[in-house]
Amino acid sequence: MIERTGAITFKGTPLTLQGAPVAVGDKAPDFTVLGNDLSPKTLADYKGKVLIISAVPSLDTPVCDVETRRFNQEAAKLGSDVAVLTISADLPFAQSRWCGAAGIDAVTTLSDHRDMSFGAAYGLIIKELRLLTRAVLVVDKQGLITYLQIVPEVAHEPNYDAVIAAARASM
């Protein structure tokens, strides 16, 4: 597996990302993750939609909580042509519990815990933690990556305005 040492930091400590890195203009690689009901979900399940894919380490952490709540608010304003997915290595049961407690209803949470398929396909696995790094991608209706933001410091939030602007431009 491809490794990029020092690609990100967590509280200042350099960490290694694993998987095949992607870039703007690439065709979005397929992946298989689990829905909260344990059903497999792939990129094809969202065909024909603009996707905002938010990768987070764990919904049960303060920054991931804030990020997912913010994207939930933004998703409600974007309309039915846009799907907002939050993918983490949390178990589907934990994601479901968290969403219920947080009132998340416009973001779809998906689990990469089983195979790390999404993380490997997009180069977003934190080797030292076996979690996903914080990153946001926008994929257009044709399946091309139009925006990619790998947050350099995992403990920081992404640039929400840039993500929303990229999603609107991809509609």
C-alpha atoms as a PDB file:
ATOM      1  CA  MET A   1       0.000   0.000   0.000  1.00  0.00           C
ATOM      2  CA  ILE A   2       1.233   3.490  -0.857  1.00  0.00           C
ATOM      3  CA  GLU A   3       2.363   5.515   2.170  1.00  0.00           C
ATOM      4  CA  ARG A   4       2.915   9.273   2.561  1.00  0.00           C
ATOM      5  CA  THR A   5       4.870   9.952   5.743  1.00  0.00           C
ATOM      6  CA  GLY A   6       4.303  13.317   7.420  1.00  0.00           C
ATOM      7  CA  ALA A   7       1.403  14.161   5.095  1.00  0.00           C
ATOM      8  CA  ILE A   8      -0.714  15.300   8.052  1.00  0.00           C
ATOM      9  CA  THR A   9      -0.284  16.025  11.725  1.00  0.00           C
ATOM     10  CA  PHE A  10      -2.345  15.302  14.811  1.00  0.00           C
ATOM     11  CA  LYS A  11      -1.759  17.890  17.527  1.00  0.00           C
ATOM     12  CA  GLY A  12       1.571  18.636  15.846  1.00  0.00           C
ATOM     13  CA  THR A  13       2.782  15.031  15.571  1.00  0.00           C
ATOM     14  CA  PRO A  14       3.452  13.927  11.960  1.00  0.00           C
ATOM     15  CA  LEU A  15       1.443  10.903  10.798  1.00  0.00           C
ATOM     16  CA  THR A  16       1.432   8.635   7.756  1.00  0.00           C
ATOM     17  CA  LEU A  17      -1.376   8.392   5.219  1.00  0.00           C
ATOM     18  CA  GLN A  18      -1.957   5.084   3.453  1.00  0.00           C
ATOM     19  CA  GLY A  19      -3.747   4.324   0.221  1.00  0.00           C
ATOM     20  CA  ALA A  20      -3.742   5.606  -3.331  1.00  0.00           C
ATOM     21  CA  PRO A  21      -3.939   9.418  -3.287  1.00  0.00           C
ATOM     22  CA  VAL A  22      -6.500  11.085  -5.552  1.00  0.00           C
ATOM     23  CA  ALA A  23      -6.466  14.521  -7.171  1.00  0.00           C
ATOM     24  CA  VAL A  24      -8.897  17.029  -8.620  1.00  0.00           C
ATOM     25  CA  GLY A  25      -9.861  15.868 -12.112  1.00  0.00           C
ATOM     26  CA  ASP A  26      -9.582  12.157 -11.272  1.00  0.00           C
ATOM     27  CA  LYS A  27     -12.506   9.826 -11.690  1.00  0.00           C
ATOM     28  CA  ALA A  28     -13.720   9.120  -8.161  1.00  0.00           C
ATOM     29  CA  PRO A  29     -12.657   5.574  -7.226  1.00  0.00           C
ATOM     30  CA  ASP A  30     -15.347   3.129  -6.177  1.00  0.00           C
ATOM     31  CA  PHE A  31     -15.516   1.894  -2.592  1.00  0.00           C
ATOM     32  CA  THR A  32     -17.726  -0.254  -0.384  1.00  0.00           C
ATOM     33  CA  VAL A  33     -18.736   1.009   3.052  1.00  0.00           C
ATOM     34  CA  LEU A  34     -21.579   0.104   5.404  1.00  0.00           C
ATOM     35  CA  GLY A  35     -24.774   2.030   6.011  1.00  0.00           C
ATOM     36  CA  ASN A  36     -26.159   2.344   9.510  1.00  0.00           C
ATOM     37  CA  ASP A  37     -28.370  -0.684   8.753  1.00  0.00           C
ATOM     38  CA  LEU A  38     -25.232  -2.723   7.811  1.00  0.00           C
ATOM     39  CA  SER A  39     -26.123  -2.680   4.103  1.00  0.00           C
ATOM     40  CA  PRO A  40     -23.197  -2.228   1.688  1.00  0.00           C
ATOM     41  CA  LYS A  41     -23.030   1.169  -0.006  1.00  0.00           C
ATOM     42  CA  THR A  42     -20.905   2.026  -3.032  1.00  0.00           C
ATOM     43  CA  LEU A  43     -20.260   5.125  -5.102  1.00  0.00           C
ATOM     44  CA  ALA A  44     -22.851   3.850  -7.602  1.00  0.00           C
ATOM     45  CA  ASP A  45     -25.581   4.227  -4.962  1.00  0.00           C
ATOM     46  CA  TYR A  46     -25.204   8.010  -5.344  1.00  0.00           C
ATOM     47  CA  LYS A  47     -24.913   8.145  -9.153  1.00  0.00           C
ATOM     48  CA  GLY A  48     -26.327  11.298 -10.709  1.00  0.00           C
ATOM     49  CA  LYS A  49     -25.836  13.416  -7.583  1.00  0.00           C
ATOM     50  CA  VAL A  50     -23.182  15.912  -6.647  1.00  0.00           C
ATOM     51  CA  LEU A  51     -21.452  14.446  -3.598  1.00  0.00           C
ATOM     52  CA  ILE A  52     -19.829  16.150  -0.677  1.00  0.00           C
ATOM     53  CA  ILE A  53     -17.808  13.405   0.999  1.00  0.00           C
ATOM     54  CA  SER A  54     -16.578  14.334   4.442  1.00  0.00           C
ATOM     55  CA  ALA A  55     -14.035  11.877   5.863  1.00  0.00           C
ATOM     56  CA  VAL A  56     -13.598  12.146   9.629  1.00  0.00           C
ATOM     57  CA  PRO A  57     -11.661  10.162  12.249  1.00  0.00           C
ATOM     58  CA  SER A  58     -14.626   9.595  14.626  1.00  0.00           C
ATOM     59  CA  LEU A  59     -18.025  11.196  15.132  1.00  0.00           C
ATOM     60  CA  ASP A  60     -17.478  10.895  18.882  1.00  0.00           C
ATOM     61  CA  THR A  61     -14.795  13.601  18.915  1.00  0.00           C
ATOM     62  CA  PRO A  62     -15.416  17.346  19.265  1.00  0.00           C
ATOM     63  CA  VAL A  63     -14.136  18.510  15.851  1.00  0.00           C
ATOM     64  CA  CYS A  64     -15.876  15.699  13.936  1.00  0.00           C
ATOM     65  CA  ASP A  65     -19.084  16.461  15.837  1.00  0.00           C
ATOM     66  CA  VAL A  66     -18.935  20.153  14.895  1.00  0.00           C
ATOM     67  CA  GLU A  67     -18.038  19.360  11.274  1.00  0.00           C
ATOM     68  CA  THR A  68     -20.856  16.880  10.742  1.00  0.00           C
ATOM     69  CA  ARG A  69     -23.415  19.174  12.375  1.00  0.00           C
ATOM     70  CA  ARG A  70     -22.266  22.034  10.119  1.00  0.00           C
ATOM     71  CA  PHE A  71     -22.541  19.904   6.972  1.00  0.00           C
ATOM     72  CA  ASN A  72     -25.988  18.770   8.139  1.00  0.00           C
ATOM     73  CA  GLN A  73     -27.077  22.443   8.241  1.00  0.00           C
ATOM     74  CA  GLU A  74     -25.514  23.143   4.832  1.00  0.00           C
ATOM     75  CA  ALA A  75     -27.011  20.002   3.245  1.00  0.00           C
ATOM     76  CA  ALA A  76     -30.520  21.215   3.969  1.00  0.00           C
ATOM     77  CA  LYS A  77     -29.801  24.337   1.860  1.00  0.00           C
ATOM     78  CA  LEU A  78     -28.249  22.538  -1.123  1.00  0.00           C
ATOM     79  CA  GLY A  79     -31.281  20.678  -2.471  1.00  0.00           C
ATOM     80  CA  SER A  80     -31.926  17.139  -3.628  1.00  0.00           C
ATOM     81  CA  ASP A  81     -29.218  17.144  -6.353  1.00  0.00           C
ATOM     82  CA  VAL A  82     -26.533  17.067  -3.640  1.00  0.00           C
ATOM     83  CA  ALA A  83     -25.845  14.214  -1.223  1.00  0.00           C
ATOM     84  CA  VAL A  84     -23.640  14.804   1.806  1.00  0.00           C
ATOM     85  CA  LEU A  85     -21.841  11.702   3.067  1.00  0.00           C
ATOM     86  CA  THR A  86     -19.798  11.534   6.243  1.00  0.00           C
ATOM     87  CA  ILE A  87     -17.515   8.507   6.312  1.00  0.00           C
ATOM     88  CA  SER A  88     -15.602   7.331   9.388  1.00  0.00           C
ATOM     89  CA  ALA A  89     -14.204   4.107  10.800  1.00  0.00           C
ATOM     90  CA  ASP A  90     -16.831   4.189  13.567  1.00  0.00           C
ATOM     91  CA  LEU A  91     -19.100   1.157  13.797  1.00  0.00           C
ATOM     92  CA  PRO A  92     -22.475   1.651  12.077  1.00  0.00           C
ATOM     93  CA  PHE A  93     -24.224   1.227  15.448  1.00  0.00           C
ATOM     94  CA  ALA A  94     -22.194   4.067  16.955  1.00  0.00           C
ATOM     95  CA  GLN A  95     -22.902   6.271  13.933  1.00  0.00           C
ATOM     96  CA  SER A  96     -26.629   5.606  14.213  1.00  0.00           C
ATOM     97  CA  ARG A  97     -26.624   6.369  17.947  1.00  0.00           C
ATOM     98  CA  TRP A  98     -24.647   9.579  17.402  1.00  0.00           C
ATOM     99  CA  CYS A  99     -26.922  10.770  14.567  1.00  0.00           C
ATOM    100  CA  GLY A 100     -30.023  10.178  16.702  1.00  0.00           C
ATOM    101  CA  ALA A 101     -28.559  12.085  19.644  1.00  0.00           C
ATOM    102  CA  ALA A 102     -27.295  14.933  17.418  1.00  0.00           C
ATOM    103  CA  GLY A 103     -30.449  15.251  15.315  1.00  0.00           C
ATOM    104  CA  ILE A 104     -28.587  14.605  12.060  1.00  0.00           C
ATOM    105  CA  ASP A 105     -31.114  14.149   9.262  1.00  0.00           C
ATOM    106  CA  ALA A 106     -29.596  15.609   6.081  1.00  0.00           C
ATOM    107  CA  VAL A 107     -26.191  13.857   6.136  1.00  0.00           C
ATOM    108  CA  THR A 108     -25.741  10.150   5.455  1.00  0.00           C
ATOM    109  CA  THR A 109     -23.175   8.548   7.760  1.00  0.00           C
ATOM    110  CA  LEU A 110     -21.285   5.560   6.426  1.00  0.00           C
ATOM    111  CA  SER A 111     -18.788   3.217   8.087  1.00  0.00           C
ATOM    112  CA  ASP A 112     -15.419   2.250   6.614  1.00  0.00           C
ATOM    113  CA  HIS A 113     -14.533   0.125   9.659  1.00  0.00           C
ATOM    114  CA  ARG A 114     -14.689  -3.293   7.994  1.00  0.00           C
ATOM    115  CA  ASP A 115     -12.322  -3.064   5.032  1.00  0.00           C
ATOM    116  CA  MET A 116     -11.130   0.567   5.001  1.00  0.00           C
ATOM    117  CA  SER A 117     -12.143   0.417   1.330  1.00  0.00           C
ATOM    118  CA  PHE A 118     -12.892   4.123   1.040  1.00  0.00           C
ATOM    119  CA  GLY A 119      -9.747   5.143   2.935  1.00  0.00           C
ATOM    120  CA  ALA A 120      -7.520   2.928   0.788  1.00  0.00           C
ATOM    121  CA  ALA A 121      -9.116   4.071  -2.490  1.00  0.00           C
ATOM    122  CA  TYR A 122      -8.676   7.753  -1.620  1.00  0.00           C
ATOM    123  CA  GLY A 123      -5.375   7.617   0.312  1.00  0.00           C
ATOM    124  CA  LEU A 124      -6.946   8.736   3.587  1.00  0.00           C
ATOM    125  CA  ILE A 125      -6.074   6.017   6.141  1.00  0.00           C
ATOM    126  CA  ILE A 126      -4.023   7.226   9.108  1.00  0.00           C
ATOM    127  CA  LYS A 127      -1.595   4.312   9.442  1.00  0.00           C
ATOM    128  CA  GLU A 128      -0.752   4.887  13.105  1.00  0.00           C
ATOM    129  CA  LEU A 129      -4.421   5.051  14.209  1.00  0.00           C
ATOM    130  CA  ARG A 130      -6.344   2.977  11.622  1.00  0.00           C
ATOM    131  CA  LEU A 131      -8.760   5.876  11.285  1.00  0.00           C
ATOM    132  CA  LEU A 132      -9.574   8.156   8.379  1.00  0.00           C
ATOM    133  CA  THR A 133      -7.931  11.538   8.227  1.00  0.00           C
ATOM    134  CA  ARG A 134     -10.027  14.679   8.015  1.00  0.00           C
ATOM    135  CA  ALA A 135     -10.684  15.424   4.354  1.00  0.00           C
ATOM    136  CA  VAL A 136     -13.515  16.719   2.198  1.00  0.00           C
ATOM    137  CA  LEU A 137     -14.106  15.933  -1.458  1.00  0.00           C
ATOM    138  CA  VAL A 138     -16.673  17.109  -3.965  1.00  0.00           C
ATOM    139  CA  VAL A 139     -17.598  14.704  -6.758  1.00  0.00           C
ATOM    140  CA  ASP A 140     -19.681  15.989  -9.678  1.00  0.00           C
ATOM    141  CA  LYS A 141     -22.603  14.202 -11.350  1.00  0.00           C
ATOM    142  CA  GLN A 142     -20.212  12.626 -13.871  1.00  0.00           C
ATOM    143  CA  GLY A 143     -18.157  11.056 -11.085  1.00  0.00           C
ATOM    144  CA  LEU A 144     -15.145  13.391 -11.297  1.00  0.00           C
ATOM    145  CA  ILE A 145     -13.430  14.847  -8.251  1.00  0.00           C
ATOM    146  CA  THR A 146     -13.844  18.622  -8.526  1.00  0.00           C
ATOM    147  CA  TYR A 147     -12.556  19.568  -5.080  1.00  0.00           C
ATOM    148  CA  LEU A 148     -10.223  17.985  -2.528  1.00  0.00           C
ATOM    149  CA  GLN A 149      -9.228  19.322   0.859  1.00  0.00           C
ATOM    150  CA  ILE A 150      -7.029  17.190   3.101  1.00  0.00           C
ATOM    151  CA  VAL A 151      -6.922  19.145   6.339  1.00  0.00           C
ATOM    152  CA  PRO A 152      -3.202  19.294   7.256  1.00  0.00           C
ATOM    153  CA  GLU A 153      -3.839  19.210  11.031  1.00  0.00           C
ATOM    154  CA  VAL A 154      -6.408  16.534  11.902  1.00  0.00           C
ATOM    155  CA  ALA A 155      -7.591  18.513  14.950  1.00  0.00           C
ATOM    156  CA  HIS A 156      -8.672  21.463  12.739  1.00  0.00           C
ATOM    157  CA  GLU A 157     -11.945  21.988  10.858  1.00  0.00           C
ATOM    158  CA  PRO A 158     -12.097  22.156   7.063  1.00  0.00           C
ATOM    159  CA  ASN A 159     -12.811  25.298   5.067  1.00  0.00           C
ATOM    160  CA  TYR A 160     -16.606  24.939   4.859  1.00  0.00           C
ATOM    161  CA  ASP A 161     -17.133  27.921   2.557  1.00  0.00           C
ATOM    162  CA  ALA A 162     -14.733  26.515  -0.048  1.00  0.00           C
ATOM    163  CA  VAL A 163     -16.457  23.117   0.074  1.00  0.00           C
ATOM    164  CA  ILE A 164     -19.954  24.602  -0.367  1.00  0.00           C
ATOM    165  CA  ALA A 165     -18.753  26.849  -3.204  1.00  0.00           C
ATOM    166  CA  ALA A 166     -17.205  23.827  -4.958  1.00  0.00           C
ATOM    167  CA  ALA A 167     -20.412  21.824  -4.549  1.00  0.00           C
ATOM    168  CA  ARG A 168     -22.523  24.653  -5.965  1.00  0.00           C
ATOM    169  CA  ALA A 169     -20.098  25.017  -8.901  1.00  0.00           C
ATOM    170  CA  SER A 170     -20.461  21.272  -9.605  1.00  0.00           C
ATOM    171  CA  MET A 171     -24.265  21.376  -9.774  1.00  0.00           C
END
